[in-house]
Protein backbone atom coordinates (compact mmCIF):
# COMPACT_ATOMS: atom_id res chain seq x y z
CA UNK A 1 -32.48 -9.90 -2.55
CA UNK A 2 -35.03 -11.65 -0.70
CA UNK A 3 -38.57 -11.43 -2.05
CA UNK A 4 -41.22 -9.78 0.53
CA UNK A 5 -43.70 -11.58 1.39
CA UNK A 6 -47.36 -10.56 0.37
CA UNK A 7 -49.21 -8.09 2.77
CA UNK A 8 -51.55 -10.35 5.20
CA UNK A 9 -49.26 -13.53 4.80
CA UNK A 10 -46.93 -14.42 7.66
CA UNK A 11 -43.44 -14.78 7.32
CA UNK A 12 -41.35 -17.76 7.45
CA UNK A 13 -39.52 -17.64 10.63
CA UNK A 14 -41.77 -14.94 12.27
CA UNK A 15 -44.13 -15.92 14.65
CA UNK A 16 -47.75 -15.57 13.12
CA UNK A 17 -50.14 -13.18 15.27
CA UNK A 18 -52.38 -16.21 16.52
CA UNK A 19 -49.17 -17.50 18.02
CA UNK A 20 -48.14 -14.18 19.65
CA UNK A 21 -51.97 -14.03 20.96
CA UNK A 22 -50.97 -17.20 22.48
CA UNK A 23 -47.80 -16.55 24.04
CA UNK A 24 -49.42 -13.59 25.92
CA UNK A 25 -52.29 -15.87 27.34
CA UNK A 26 -49.69 -18.43 28.68
CA UNK A 27 -47.84 -15.30 30.24
CA UNK A 28 -51.03 -14.22 31.64
CA UNK A 29 -51.70 -18.01 32.87
CA UNK A 30 -48.21 -18.21 34.35
CA UNK A 31 -48.55 -14.89 36.36
CA UNK A 32 -52.13 -15.62 37.73
CA UNK A 33 -50.94 -19.33 38.78
CA UNK A 34 -47.98 -17.73 40.79
CA UNK A 35 -49.97 -15.04 42.17
CA UNK A 36 -52.51 -17.77 43.70
CA UNK A 37 -55.34 -17.26 41.18
CA UNK A 38 -56.01 -21.16 39.80
CA UNK A 39 -59.41 -20.51 37.98
CA UNK A 40 -58.55 -17.81 36.13
CA UNK A 41 -54.89 -19.22 35.25
CA UNK A 42 -56.77 -22.72 33.98
CA UNK A 43 -58.70 -20.30 31.79
CA UNK A 44 -55.88 -18.19 30.68
CA UNK A 45 -53.79 -21.29 29.93
CA UNK A 46 -56.92 -22.95 27.48
CA UNK A 47 -57.38 -19.55 25.77
CA UNK A 48 -53.42 -19.84 24.98
CA UNK A 49 -53.96 -23.43 23.80
CA UNK A 50 -57.31 -22.53 21.84
CA UNK A 51 -55.80 -19.45 20.46
CA UNK A 52 -52.78 -22.00 19.01
CA UNK A 53 -54.95 -23.97 17.48
CA UNK A 54 -56.99 -21.45 15.87
CA UNK A 55 -53.75 -20.32 14.43
CA UNK A 56 -52.99 -23.59 12.89
CA UNK A 57 -56.24 -23.84 11.47
CA UNK A 58 -56.42 -20.25 9.70
CA UNK A 59 -53.19 -21.43 8.17
CA UNK A 60 -54.96 -24.66 6.47
CA UNK A 61 -58.16 -22.08 6.07
CA UNK A 62 -60.32 -23.89 8.20
CA UNK A 63 -61.33 -21.32 10.70
CA UNK A 64 -63.05 -22.34 13.82
CA UNK A 65 -65.25 -20.84 16.22
CA UNK A 66 -66.39 -22.34 19.46
CA UNK A 67 -64.04 -24.22 21.75
CA UNK A 68 -65.80 -27.76 21.03
CA UNK A 69 -65.60 -27.07 17.02
CA UNK A 70 -61.57 -26.04 17.26
CA UNK A 71 -60.71 -28.98 19.08
CA UNK A 72 -62.80 -31.28 16.98
CA UNK A 73 -61.46 -29.33 13.80
CA UNK A 74 -57.54 -29.30 15.08
CA UNK A 75 -57.95 -33.20 15.77
CA UNK A 76 -59.00 -34.01 12.61
CA UNK A 77 -56.95 -31.53 10.07
CA UNK A 78 -54.03 -30.66 11.67
CA UNK A 79 -53.16 -33.92 13.86
CA UNK A 80 -55.24 -36.11 11.34
CA UNK A 81 -54.44 -35.29 8.40
CA UNK A 82 -51.45 -33.33 8.78
CA UNK A 83 -48.91 -35.20 10.79
CA UNK A 84 -48.83 -33.11 14.26
CA UNK A 85 -48.27 -35.74 17.43
CA UNK A 86 -51.47 -37.29 18.65
CA UNK A 87 -50.52 -36.27 21.88
CA UNK A 88 -50.56 -32.77 21.10
CA UNK A 89 -54.63 -33.51 20.52
CA UNK A 90 -55.18 -35.10 23.81
CA UNK A 91 -53.62 -32.60 25.82
CA UNK A 92 -55.70 -29.61 23.89
CA UNK A 93 -58.90 -31.68 24.39
CA UNK A 94 -58.15 -32.23 27.89
CA UNK A 95 -57.26 -29.13 28.69
CA UNK A 96 -60.41 -27.62 27.12
CA UNK A 97 -62.15 -30.29 29.47
CA UNK A 98 -60.30 -29.30 32.56
CA UNK A 99 -61.45 -25.30 31.87
CA UNK A 100 -64.82 -26.31 31.62
CA UNK A 101 -64.62 -28.28 35.14
CA UNK A 102 -63.12 -25.47 36.54
CA UNK A 103 -66.13 -23.10 35.22
CA UNK A 104 -69.05 -25.27 36.58
CA UNK A 105 -67.37 -27.07 39.72
CA UNK A 106 -68.13 -24.70 42.66
CA UNK A 107 -65.23 -24.31 45.14
CA UNK A 108 -61.64 -23.44 45.24
CA UNK A 109 -59.52 -25.11 42.32
CA UNK A 110 -56.60 -26.40 43.87
CA UNK A 111 -52.87 -24.63 42.39
CA UNK A 112 -52.12 -28.21 41.14
CA UNK A 113 -54.76 -28.27 38.49
CA UNK A 114 -53.46 -24.57 37.41
CA UNK A 115 -49.93 -25.70 36.83
CA UNK A 116 -51.17 -28.91 34.87
CA UNK A 117 -53.00 -26.46 32.54
CA UNK A 118 -50.52 -24.05 32.33
CA UNK A 119 -47.89 -26.88 31.73
CA UNK A 120 -50.38 -28.53 29.26
CA UNK A 121 -50.94 -25.15 27.29
CA UNK A 122 -47.30 -24.56 27.07
CA UNK A 123 -46.68 -28.22 25.34
CA UNK A 124 -49.62 -27.25 22.91
CA UNK A 125 -48.35 -23.85 22.12
CA UNK A 126 -44.64 -25.07 21.62
CA UNK A 127 -45.69 -28.13 19.36
CA UNK A 128 -48.30 -26.04 17.26
CA UNK A 129 -45.62 -23.09 17.10
CA UNK A 130 -43.26 -25.86 15.54
CA UNK A 131 -45.85 -27.21 13.31
CA UNK A 132 -46.64 -23.63 12.01
CA UNK A 133 -43.05 -22.64 11.60
CA UNK A 134 -42.57 -25.97 9.58
CA UNK A 135 -45.62 -25.41 7.40
CA UNK A 136 -44.75 -21.93 6.33
CA UNK A 137 -40.98 -22.79 5.57
CA UNK A 138 -42.37 -25.69 3.23
CA UNK A 139 -44.87 -23.34 1.67
CA UNK A 140 -42.50 -20.80 1.23
CA UNK A 141 -40.23 -23.48 -0.24
CA UNK A 142 -42.90 -24.62 -2.58
CA UNK A 143 -43.63 -21.08 -3.89
CA UNK A 144 -39.86 -20.57 -4.71
CA UNK A 145 -40.19 -23.82 -6.87
CA UNK A 146 -43.14 -23.02 -8.48
CA UNK A 147 -41.65 -19.76 -9.36
CA UNK A 148 -38.15 -21.24 -10.55
CA UNK A 149 -40.21 -23.84 -12.75
CA UNK A 150 -42.45 -21.13 -14.03
CA UNK A 151 -39.46 -19.19 -15.16
CA UNK A 152 -37.92 -21.83 -16.58
CA UNK A 153 -40.71 -22.55 -18.65
CA UNK A 154 -40.87 -18.94 -20.47
CA UNK A 155 -37.70 -19.17 -21.53
CA UNK A 156 -35.25 -18.95 -18.45
CA UNK A 157 -32.88 -21.16 -17.20
CA UNK A 158 -34.46 -24.44 -15.20
CA UNK A 159 -33.33 -24.95 -11.84
CA UNK A 160 -31.37 -28.10 -13.10
CA UNK A 161 -29.18 -26.41 -15.67
CA UNK A 162 -30.75 -28.32 -18.81
CA UNK A 163 -32.80 -26.69 -21.15
CA UNK A 164 -36.58 -26.42 -20.93
CA UNK A 165 -38.21 -29.39 -22.34
CA UNK A 166 -40.54 -28.18 -25.14
CA UNK A 167 -44.16 -29.42 -24.94
CA UNK A 168 -46.00 -30.37 -28.09
């Protein structure tokens, strides 16, 4: 019988709340772009990618705040220390910069800018979702090994089948 996760902890294999929110924002960005609203599409694409980045940071115990802080922390901890592809961090930074330009530059936003923003957001979201899923699988496996080791140390069978080693 599989152990149920602790309430509030993500289940390995199931999307986390942050990833689900990021998927909703991405769907909104796609709809806005298709219906000829490129500026709101870019904004929704940025929110999507930032929600995914926030989710990865929360998993590491490093919640972020504003967009520049999220990007910086994401690149430092998720890309730099946890091995996510550097292109994902570059795409996130470029997407956030594109969103800022769209917000502050008057005039019409070309549809190609919205299409590029949606594409970048999808790439970031897919990469982060894969990374989060892999991280949750590793954490669950480590917890299983720790539990098995603790059982072995208390007189139960060891994972290797050999008797537990006595410490002096």
